[in-house]
C-alpha atoms as a PDB file:
ATOM      1  CA  UNK A   1      73.473  79.189 185.724  1.00  0.00           C
ATOM      2  CA  UNK A   2      69.871  78.919 184.560  1.00  0.00           C
ATOM      3  CA  UNK A   3      68.072  75.839 185.876  1.00  0.00           C
ATOM      4  CA  UNK A   4      65.410  74.046 183.899  1.00  0.00           C
ATOM      5  CA  UNK A   5      62.000  74.408 185.462  1.00  0.00           C
ATOM      6  CA  UNK A   6      59.973  71.332 186.299  1.00  0.00           C
ATOM      7  CA  UNK A   7      57.989  70.283 183.227  1.00  0.00           C
ATOM      8  CA  UNK A   8      59.993  72.503 180.868  1.00  0.00           C
ATOM      9  CA  UNK A   9      60.981  70.735 177.642  1.00  0.00           C
ATOM     10  CA  UNK A  10      64.678  70.139 177.139  1.00  0.00           C
ATOM     11  CA  UNK A  11      66.033  71.492 173.873  1.00  0.00           C
ATOM     12  CA  UNK A  12      69.128  70.453 171.907  1.00  0.00           C
ATOM     13  CA  UNK A  13      71.990  72.958 171.869  1.00  0.00           C
ATOM     14  CA  UNK A  14      72.730  75.145 168.865  1.00  0.00           C
ATOM     15  CA  UNK A  15      70.629  75.981 165.828  1.00  0.00           C
ATOM     16  CA  UNK A  16      69.501  73.901 162.848  1.00  0.00           C
ATOM     17  CA  UNK A  17      71.560  76.322 160.735  1.00  0.00           C
ATOM     18  CA  UNK A  18      74.773  75.023 162.345  1.00  0.00           C
ATOM     19  CA  UNK A  19      74.539  71.920 160.154  1.00  0.00           C
ATOM     20  CA  UNK A  20      74.638  73.957 156.941  1.00  0.00           C
ATOM     21  CA  UNK A  21      77.451  76.438 157.622  1.00  0.00           C
ATOM     22  CA  UNK A  22      80.256  74.519 155.888  1.00  0.00           C
ATOM     23  CA  UNK A  23      78.161  73.842 152.803  1.00  0.00           C
ATOM     24  CA  UNK A  24      76.986  77.463 152.622  1.00  0.00           C
ATOM     25  CA  UNK A  25      80.562  78.721 152.835  1.00  0.00           C
ATOM     26  CA  UNK A  26      81.659  76.334 150.065  1.00  0.00           C
ATOM     27  CA  UNK A  27      78.814  77.430 147.793  1.00  0.00           C
ATOM     28  CA  UNK A  28      79.769  81.042 148.447  1.00  0.00           C
ATOM     29  CA  UNK A  29      83.297  80.325 147.186  1.00  0.00           C
ATOM     30  CA  UNK A  30      82.077  78.448 144.113  1.00  0.00           C
ATOM     31  CA  UNK A  31      79.607  81.070 142.879  1.00  0.00           C
ATOM     32  CA  UNK A  32      80.477  84.022 140.668  1.00  0.00           C
ATOM     33  CA  UNK A  33      81.020  87.027 142.914  1.00  0.00           C
ATOM     34  CA  UNK A  34      80.447  89.713 140.314  1.00  0.00           C
ATOM     35  CA  UNK A  35      76.762  89.426 139.431  1.00  0.00           C
ATOM     36  CA  UNK A  36      73.282  88.421 140.512  1.00  0.00           C
ATOM     37  CA  UNK A  37      72.905  84.644 140.716  1.00  0.00           C
ATOM     38  CA  UNK A  38      70.114  82.953 138.775  1.00  0.00           C
ATOM     39  CA  UNK A  39      68.873  80.314 141.230  1.00  0.00           C
ATOM     40  CA  UNK A  40      66.569  77.395 140.483  1.00  0.00           C
ATOM     41  CA  UNK A  41      64.628  76.180 143.529  1.00  0.00           C
ATOM     42  CA  UNK A  42      63.708  72.695 142.362  1.00  0.00           C
ATOM     43  CA  UNK A  43      60.764  71.637 144.513  1.00  0.00           C
ATOM     44  CA  UNK A  44      60.831  74.813 146.576  1.00  0.00           C
ATOM     45  CA  UNK A  45      57.846  74.226 148.869  1.00  0.00           C
ATOM     46  CA  UNK A  46      56.891  77.107 151.146  1.00  0.00           C
ATOM     47  CA  UNK A  47      60.365  78.106 152.348  1.00  0.00           C
ATOM     48  CA  UNK A  48      64.058  78.263 151.481  1.00  0.00           C
ATOM     49  CA  UNK A  49      66.109  76.285 153.984  1.00  0.00           C
ATOM     50  CA  UNK A  50      69.589  76.971 152.610  1.00  0.00           C
ATOM     51  CA  UNK A  51      71.133  80.443 152.792  1.00  0.00           C
ATOM     52  CA  UNK A  52      72.817  82.184 149.868  1.00  0.00           C
ATOM     53  CA  UNK A  53      74.828  85.290 150.720  1.00  0.00           C
ATOM     54  CA  UNK A  54      74.415  87.279 147.521  1.00  0.00           C
ATOM     55  CA  UNK A  55      71.838  88.819 145.233  1.00  0.00           C
ATOM     56  CA  UNK A  56      69.555  86.215 143.713  1.00  0.00           C
ATOM     57  CA  UNK A  57      66.982  85.978 140.984  1.00  0.00           C
ATOM     58  CA  UNK A  58      65.045  82.923 142.109  1.00  0.00           C
ATOM     59  CA  UNK A  59      62.793  80.706 140.004  1.00  0.00           C
ATOM     60  CA  UNK A  60      60.728  78.128 141.872  1.00  0.00           C
ATOM     61  CA  UNK A  61      59.334  74.889 140.481  1.00  0.00           C
ATOM     62  CA  UNK A  62      56.863  72.877 142.553  1.00  0.00           C
ATOM     63  CA  UNK A  63      53.758  70.735 142.127  1.00  0.00           C
ATOM     64  CA  UNK A  64      51.902  72.901 144.656  1.00  0.00           C
ATOM     65  CA  UNK A  65      50.620  76.251 143.406  1.00  0.00           C
ATOM     66  CA  UNK A  66      49.710  77.184 146.985  1.00  0.00           C
ATOM     67  CA  UNK A  67      53.336  76.704 148.055  1.00  0.00           C
ATOM     68  CA  UNK A  68      54.632  78.748 145.134  1.00  0.00           C
ATOM     69  CA  UNK A  69      52.248  81.623 145.814  1.00  0.00           C
ATOM     70  CA  UNK A  70      53.119  81.628 149.523  1.00  0.00           C
ATOM     71  CA  UNK A  71      56.898  81.366 149.077  1.00  0.00           C
ATOM     72  CA  UNK A  72      58.417  84.746 150.064  1.00  0.00           C
ATOM     73  CA  UNK A  73      61.595  84.637 147.943  1.00  0.00           C
ATOM     74  CA  UNK A  74      60.523  83.791 144.390  1.00  0.00           C
ATOM     75  CA  UNK A  75      60.888  86.135 141.420  1.00  0.00           C
ATOM     76  CA  UNK A  76      59.296  83.646 139.012  1.00  0.00           C
ATOM     77  CA  UNK A  77      57.677  80.239 139.334  1.00  0.00           C
ATOM     78  CA  UNK A  78      56.125  77.311 137.486  1.00  0.00           C
ATOM     79  CA  UNK A  79      53.691  74.651 138.671  1.00  0.00           C
ATOM     80  CA  UNK A  80      55.358  71.489 137.387  1.00  0.00           C
ATOM     81  CA  UNK A  81      56.676  68.010 138.090  1.00  0.00           C
ATOM     82  CA  UNK A  82      60.484  67.947 138.175  1.00  0.00           C
ATOM     83  CA  UNK A  83      60.610  64.479 136.647  1.00  0.00           C
ATOM     84  CA  UNK A  84      58.814  65.521 133.463  1.00  0.00           C
ATOM     85  CA  UNK A  85      58.990  69.308 133.171  1.00  0.00           C
ATOM     86  CA  UNK A  86      61.423  70.819 130.664  1.00  0.00           C
ATOM     87  CA  UNK A  87      63.046  73.524 132.764  1.00  0.00           C
ATOM     88  CA  UNK A  88      65.191  74.678 129.851  1.00  0.00           C
ATOM     89  CA  UNK A  89      68.911  74.626 129.058  1.00  0.00           C
ATOM     90  CA  UNK A  90      71.828  76.652 130.419  1.00  0.00           C
ATOM     91  CA  UNK A  91      69.571  79.032 132.358  1.00  0.00           C
ATOM     92  CA  UNK A  92      70.782  78.958 135.957  1.00  0.00           C
ATOM     93  CA  UNK A  93      73.966  79.487 137.986  1.00  0.00           C
ATOM     94  CA  UNK A  94      72.824  77.341 140.911  1.00  0.00           C
ATOM     95  CA  UNK A  95      70.088  74.911 141.904  1.00  0.00           C
ATOM     96  CA  UNK A  96      68.725  74.042 145.326  1.00  0.00           C
ATOM     97  CA  UNK A  97      66.825  70.764 145.694  1.00  0.00           C
ATOM     98  CA  UNK A  98      65.945  70.348 149.359  1.00  0.00           C
ATOM     99  CA  UNK A  99      63.895  67.436 150.739  1.00  0.00           C
ATOM    100  CA  UNK A 100      62.525  66.675 147.270  1.00  0.00           C
ATOM    101  CA  UNK A 101      64.231  63.625 145.754  1.00  0.00           C
ATOM    102  CA  UNK A 102      62.834  61.280 148.402  1.00  0.00           C
ATOM    103  CA  UNK A 103      59.298  62.037 147.161  1.00  0.00           C
ATOM    104  CA  UNK A 104      59.949  61.141 143.510  1.00  0.00           C
ATOM    105  CA  UNK A 105      59.450  57.877 141.649  1.00  0.00           C
ATOM    106  CA  UNK A 106      62.335  58.677 139.289  1.00  0.00           C
ATOM    107  CA  UNK A 107      64.726  61.053 141.054  1.00  0.00           C
ATOM    108  CA  UNK A 108      67.386  60.428 138.390  1.00  0.00           C
ATOM    109  CA  UNK A 109      65.111  62.070 135.806  1.00  0.00           C
ATOM    110  CA  UNK A 110      64.729  65.138 137.992  1.00  0.00           C
ATOM    111  CA  UNK A 111      68.505  65.340 138.413  1.00  0.00           C
ATOM    112  CA  UNK A 112      68.960  65.072 134.627  1.00  0.00           C
ATOM    113  CA  UNK A 113      66.488  67.933 134.088  1.00  0.00           C
ATOM    114  CA  UNK A 114      68.288  70.064 136.671  1.00  0.00           C
ATOM    115  CA  UNK A 115      71.661  69.283 135.074  1.00  0.00           C
ATOM    116  CA  UNK A 116      70.386  70.405 131.677  1.00  0.00           C
ATOM    117  CA  UNK A 117      68.954  73.610 133.149  1.00  0.00           C
ATOM    118  CA  UNK A 118      72.265  74.687 134.715  1.00  0.00           C
ATOM    119  CA  UNK A 119      75.081  76.545 133.023  1.00  0.00           C
ATOM    120  CA  UNK A 120      78.567  74.983 132.888  1.00  0.00           C
ATOM    121  CA  UNK A 121      80.303  75.050 136.315  1.00  0.00           C
ATOM    122  CA  UNK A 122      76.969  75.868 138.027  1.00  0.00           C
ATOM    123  CA  UNK A 123      76.433  74.616 141.583  1.00  0.00           C
ATOM    124  CA  UNK A 124      73.889  72.074 142.833  1.00  0.00           C
ATOM    125  CA  UNK A 125      72.894  71.783 146.499  1.00  0.00           C
ATOM    126  CA  UNK A 126      70.989  68.653 147.536  1.00  0.00           C
ATOM    127  CA  UNK A 127      69.385  67.996 150.908  1.00  0.00           C
ATOM    128  CA  UNK A 128      67.672  64.680 151.580  1.00  0.00           C
ATOM    129  CA  UNK A 129      67.107  62.039 154.262  1.00  0.00           C
ATOM    130  CA  UNK A 130      69.685  59.343 154.842  1.00  0.00           C
ATOM    131  CA  UNK A 131      67.924  56.212 153.554  1.00  0.00           C
ATOM    132  CA  UNK A 132      69.925  53.988 155.900  1.00  0.00           C
ATOM    133  CA  UNK A 133      68.889  55.732 159.105  1.00  0.00           C
ATOM    134  CA  UNK A 134      66.080  55.125 161.585  1.00  0.00           C
ATOM    135  CA  UNK A 135      64.308  58.196 160.244  1.00  0.00           C
ATOM    136  CA  UNK A 136      64.839  57.145 156.628  1.00  0.00           C
ATOM    137  CA  UNK A 137      63.704  53.548 157.046  1.00  0.00           C
ATOM    138  CA  UNK A 138      60.694  54.605 159.120  1.00  0.00           C
ATOM    139  CA  UNK A 139      59.659  57.096 156.433  1.00  0.00           C
ATOM    140  CA  UNK A 140      60.160  54.511 153.702  1.00  0.00           C
ATOM    141  CA  UNK A 141      58.371  51.576 155.325  1.00  0.00           C
ATOM    142  CA  UNK A 142      55.397  53.249 157.017  1.00  0.00           C
ATOM    143  CA  UNK A 143      52.242  54.322 155.133  1.00  0.00           C
ATOM    144  CA  UNK A 144      51.585  57.931 154.212  1.00  0.00           C
ATOM    145  CA  UNK A 145      48.665  58.180 156.654  1.00  0.00           C
ATOM    146  CA  UNK A 146      51.130  57.536 159.491  1.00  0.00           C
ATOM    147  CA  UNK A 147      53.276  60.472 158.296  1.00  0.00           C
ATOM    148  CA  UNK A 148      50.222  62.754 158.200  1.00  0.00           C
ATOM    149  CA  UNK A 149      49.198  61.637 161.704  1.00  0.00           C
ATOM    150  CA  UNK A 150      52.725  62.145 163.038  1.00  0.00           C
ATOM    151  CA  UNK A 151      52.915  65.676 161.615  1.00  0.00           C
ATOM    152  CA  UNK A 152      49.622  66.562 163.262  1.00  0.00           C
ATOM    153  CA  UNK A 153      50.629  65.116 166.644  1.00  0.00           C
ATOM    154  CA  UNK A 154      53.979  66.912 166.496  1.00  0.00           C
ATOM    155  CA  UNK A 155      52.270  70.182 165.559  1.00  0.00           C
ATOM    156  CA  UNK A 156      54.035  70.540 162.196  1.00  0.00           C
ATOM    157  CA  UNK A 157      50.925  70.419 160.014  1.00  0.00           C
ATOM    158  CA  UNK A 158      48.387  73.195 160.007  1.00  0.00           C
ATOM    159  CA  UNK A 159      50.125  74.990 162.892  1.00  0.00           C
ATOM    160  CA  UNK A 160      51.319  77.892 160.722  1.00  0.00           C
ATOM    161  CA  UNK A 161      49.758  80.130 158.075  1.00  0.00           C
ATOM    162  CA  UNK A 162      49.741  77.290 155.532  1.00  0.00           C
ATOM    163  CA  UNK A 163      48.747  73.637 155.678  1.00  0.00           C
ATOM    164  CA  UNK A 164      52.004  71.734 155.186  1.00  0.00           C
ATOM    165  CA  UNK A 165      51.157  68.048 155.411  1.00  0.00           C
ATOM    166  CA  UNK A 166      53.976  65.798 154.183  1.00  0.00           C
ATOM    167  CA  UNK A 167      54.112  64.583 150.600  1.00  0.00           C
ATOM    168  CA  UNK A 168      54.100  60.800 150.046  1.00  0.00           C
ATOM    169  CA  UNK A 169      57.586  59.373 150.531  1.00  0.00           C
ATOM    170  CA  UNK A 170      59.260  56.994 148.052  1.00  0.00           C
ATOM    171  CA  UNK A 171      62.892  57.240 149.242  1.00  0.00           C
ATOM    172  CA  UNK A 172      64.393  54.934 146.624  1.00  0.00           C
ATOM    173  CA  UNK A 173      67.398  52.878 147.677  1.00  0.00           C
ATOM    174  CA  UNK A 174      69.313  54.539 144.836  1.00  0.00           C
ATOM    175  CA  UNK A 175      69.390  57.621 147.081  1.00  0.00           C
ATOM    176  CA  UNK A 176      71.775  55.944 149.514  1.00  0.00           C
ATOM    177  CA  UNK A 177      74.759  58.234 149.961  1.00  0.00           C
ATOM    178  CA  UNK A 178      77.326  56.126 148.106  1.00  0.00           C
ATOM    179  CA  UNK A 179      74.914  55.201 145.298  1.00  0.00           C
ATOM    180  CA  UNK A 180      73.806  58.805 144.833  1.00  0.00           C
ATOM    181  CA  UNK A 181      77.361  60.162 144.804  1.00  0.00           C
ATOM    182  CA  UNK A 182      78.366  57.541 142.226  1.00  0.00           C
ATOM    183  CA  UNK A 183      75.348  58.424 140.103  1.00  0.00           C
ATOM    184  CA  UNK A 184      76.171  62.129 140.220  1.00  0.00           C
ATOM    185  CA  UNK A 185      79.815  61.525 139.335  1.00  0.00           C
ATOM    186  CA  UNK A 186      78.803  59.401 136.345  1.00  0.00           C
ATOM    187  CA  UNK A 187      76.228  61.857 134.987  1.00  0.00           C
ATOM    188  CA  UNK A 188      78.177  65.062 134.626  1.00  0.00           C
ATOM    189  CA  UNK A 189      78.623  66.306 138.180  1.00  0.00           C
ATOM    190  CA  UNK A 190      81.773  66.922 140.212  1.00  0.00           C
ATOM    191  CA  UNK A 191      80.846  66.192 143.844  1.00  0.00           C
ATOM    192  CA  UNK A 192      82.619  68.696 146.095  1.00  0.00           C
ATOM    193  CA  UNK A 193      81.066  68.099 149.491  1.00  0.00           C
ATOM    194  CA  UNK A 194      79.122  65.374 151.314  1.00  0.00           C
ATOM    195  CA  UNK A 195      78.014  65.527 154.938  1.00  0.00           C
ATOM    196  CA  UNK A 196      75.660  63.413 157.003  1.00  0.00           C
ATOM    197  CA  UNK A 197      74.189  64.920 160.158  1.00  0.00           C
ATOM    198  CA  UNK A 198      71.443  64.477 162.733  1.00  0.00           C
ATOM    199  CA  UNK A 199      68.450  66.637 161.883  1.00  0.00           C
ATOM    200  CA  UNK A 200      67.095  69.204 164.286  1.00  0.00           C
ATOM    201  CA  UNK A 201      63.799  67.301 164.109  1.00  0.00           C
ATOM    202  CA  UNK A 202      65.276  64.104 165.566  1.00  0.00           C
ATOM    203  CA  UNK A 203      67.401  65.986 168.066  1.00  0.00           C
ATOM    204  CA  UNK A 204      64.334  67.867 169.272  1.00  0.00           C
ATOM    205  CA  UNK A 205      62.316  64.685 169.683  1.00  0.00           C
ATOM    206  CA  UNK A 206      65.157  62.978 171.558  1.00  0.00           C
ATOM    207  CA  UNK A 207      65.522  65.865 173.974  1.00  0.00           C
ATOM    208  CA  UNK A 208      61.781  66.064 174.553  1.00  0.00           C
ATOM    209  CA  UNK A 209      61.667  62.454 175.743  1.00  0.00           C
ATOM    210  CA  UNK A 210      65.037  62.491 177.495  1.00  0.00           C
ATOM    211  CA  UNK A 211      66.808  60.206 175.033  1.00  0.00           C
ATOM    212  CA  UNK A 212      70.280  61.677 175.533  1.00  0.00           C
ATOM    213  CA  UNK A 213      73.629  60.705 177.030  1.00  0.00           C
ATOM    214  CA  UNK A 214      74.037  57.025 177.875  1.00  0.00           C
ATOM    215  CA  UNK A 215      70.441  56.227 176.900  1.00  0.00           C
ATOM    216  CA  UNK A 216      71.051  57.438 173.352  1.00  0.00           C
ATOM    217  CA  UNK A 217      74.394  55.626 173.259  1.00  0.00           C
ATOM    218  CA  UNK A 218      72.590  52.362 174.110  1.00  0.00           C
ATOM    219  CA  UNK A 219      69.981  52.919 171.380  1.00  0.00           C
ATOM    220  CA  UNK A 220      72.716  53.616 168.824  1.00  0.00           C
ATOM    221  CA  UNK A 221      74.624  50.487 169.823  1.00  0.00           C
ATOM    222  CA  UNK A 222      71.517  48.274 169.707  1.00  0.00           C
ATOM    223  CA  UNK A 223      70.547  49.669 166.325  1.00  0.00           C
ATOM    224  CA  UNK A 224      73.999  48.978 164.958  1.00  0.00           C
ATOM    225  CA  UNK A 225      74.028  45.402 166.302  1.00  0.00           C
ATOM    226  CA  UNK A 226      70.478  44.569 165.184  1.00  0.00           C
ATOM    227  CA  UNK A 227      71.055  45.880 161.646  1.00  0.00           C
ATOM    228  CA  UNK A 228      74.573  44.422 161.290  1.00  0.00           C
ATOM    229  CA  UNK A 229      75.885  47.994 161.075  1.00  0.00           C
ATOM    230  CA  UNK A 230      73.604  48.810 158.125  1.00  0.00           C
ATOM    231  CA  UNK A 231      71.340  51.332 159.894  1.00  0.00           C
ATOM    232  CA  UNK A 232      72.688  54.587 161.326  1.00  0.00           C
ATOM    233  CA  UNK A 233      70.682  55.899 164.275  1.00  0.00           C
ATOM    234  CA  UNK A 234      72.349  59.292 164.416  1.00  0.00           C
ATOM    235  CA  UNK A 235      72.900  60.606 160.897  1.00  0.00           C
ATOM    236  CA  UNK A 236      69.390  61.218 159.610  1.00  0.00           C
ATOM    237  CA  UNK A 237      70.085  63.567 156.704  1.00  0.00           C
ATOM    238  CA  UNK A 238      72.616  64.310 153.970  1.00  0.00           C
ATOM    239  CA  UNK A 239      73.875  67.477 152.279  1.00  0.00           C
ATOM    240  CA  UNK A 240      75.657  67.241 148.932  1.00  0.00           C
ATOM    241  CA  UNK A 241      77.250  70.067 146.974  1.00  0.00           C
ATOM    242  CA  UNK A 242      78.203  69.339 143.375  1.00  0.00           C
ATOM    243  CA  UNK A 243      79.335  71.335 140.365  1.00  0.00           C
ATOM    244  CA  UNK A 244      78.259  70.779 136.779  1.00  0.00           C
ATOM    245  CA  UNK A 245      81.114  69.724 134.523  1.00  0.00           C
END
């Protein structure tokens, strides 16, 4: 058995991809197997974080031209704001909107634009922070300059080929899991899958400072008591898969 060397950082087990496997398998079953999939990456950023297992023709929409030009998987792109840009009608078989809605003033408008852009029975994949988590409430209540500082200290900004400082976070309370699912159901979506999970980011930070085992159990219990069970310490993020009616 390999022993951890003195001073070596502890790492959480598994891969960040483990959290997405069920959702990826469901999307695979829902998509048409006989042709190339027209995918809309709504707020694509620099990378694609969700894996599709078939041929794609990918169109990216983002406010950052630098991100669009650097993204390795786009066949077409547009510099635009999802809340106001007319993406078109009945153009796409699937849409991926990953870590985007929390940055918008009117996420419901972006969702309406995405809905209009998808063909009937098309699939939507959403990834976003859990508003009612320690991570979510910290992101919502702290100023943007704190987020920029934290990214720099953690080595997540400017450490790669592109400067990827965080966008300002709005994280509207309407993005709470139950509220968001109800909104989707009432605006033409059939919600097929919802899962909350602890992000690799939080897991990594916990392991780096030794906040595991009984120590983490105590933090979770204190958080639950102090917030009257409103705040979830563990489940930092949410994945939703829905289908257009």
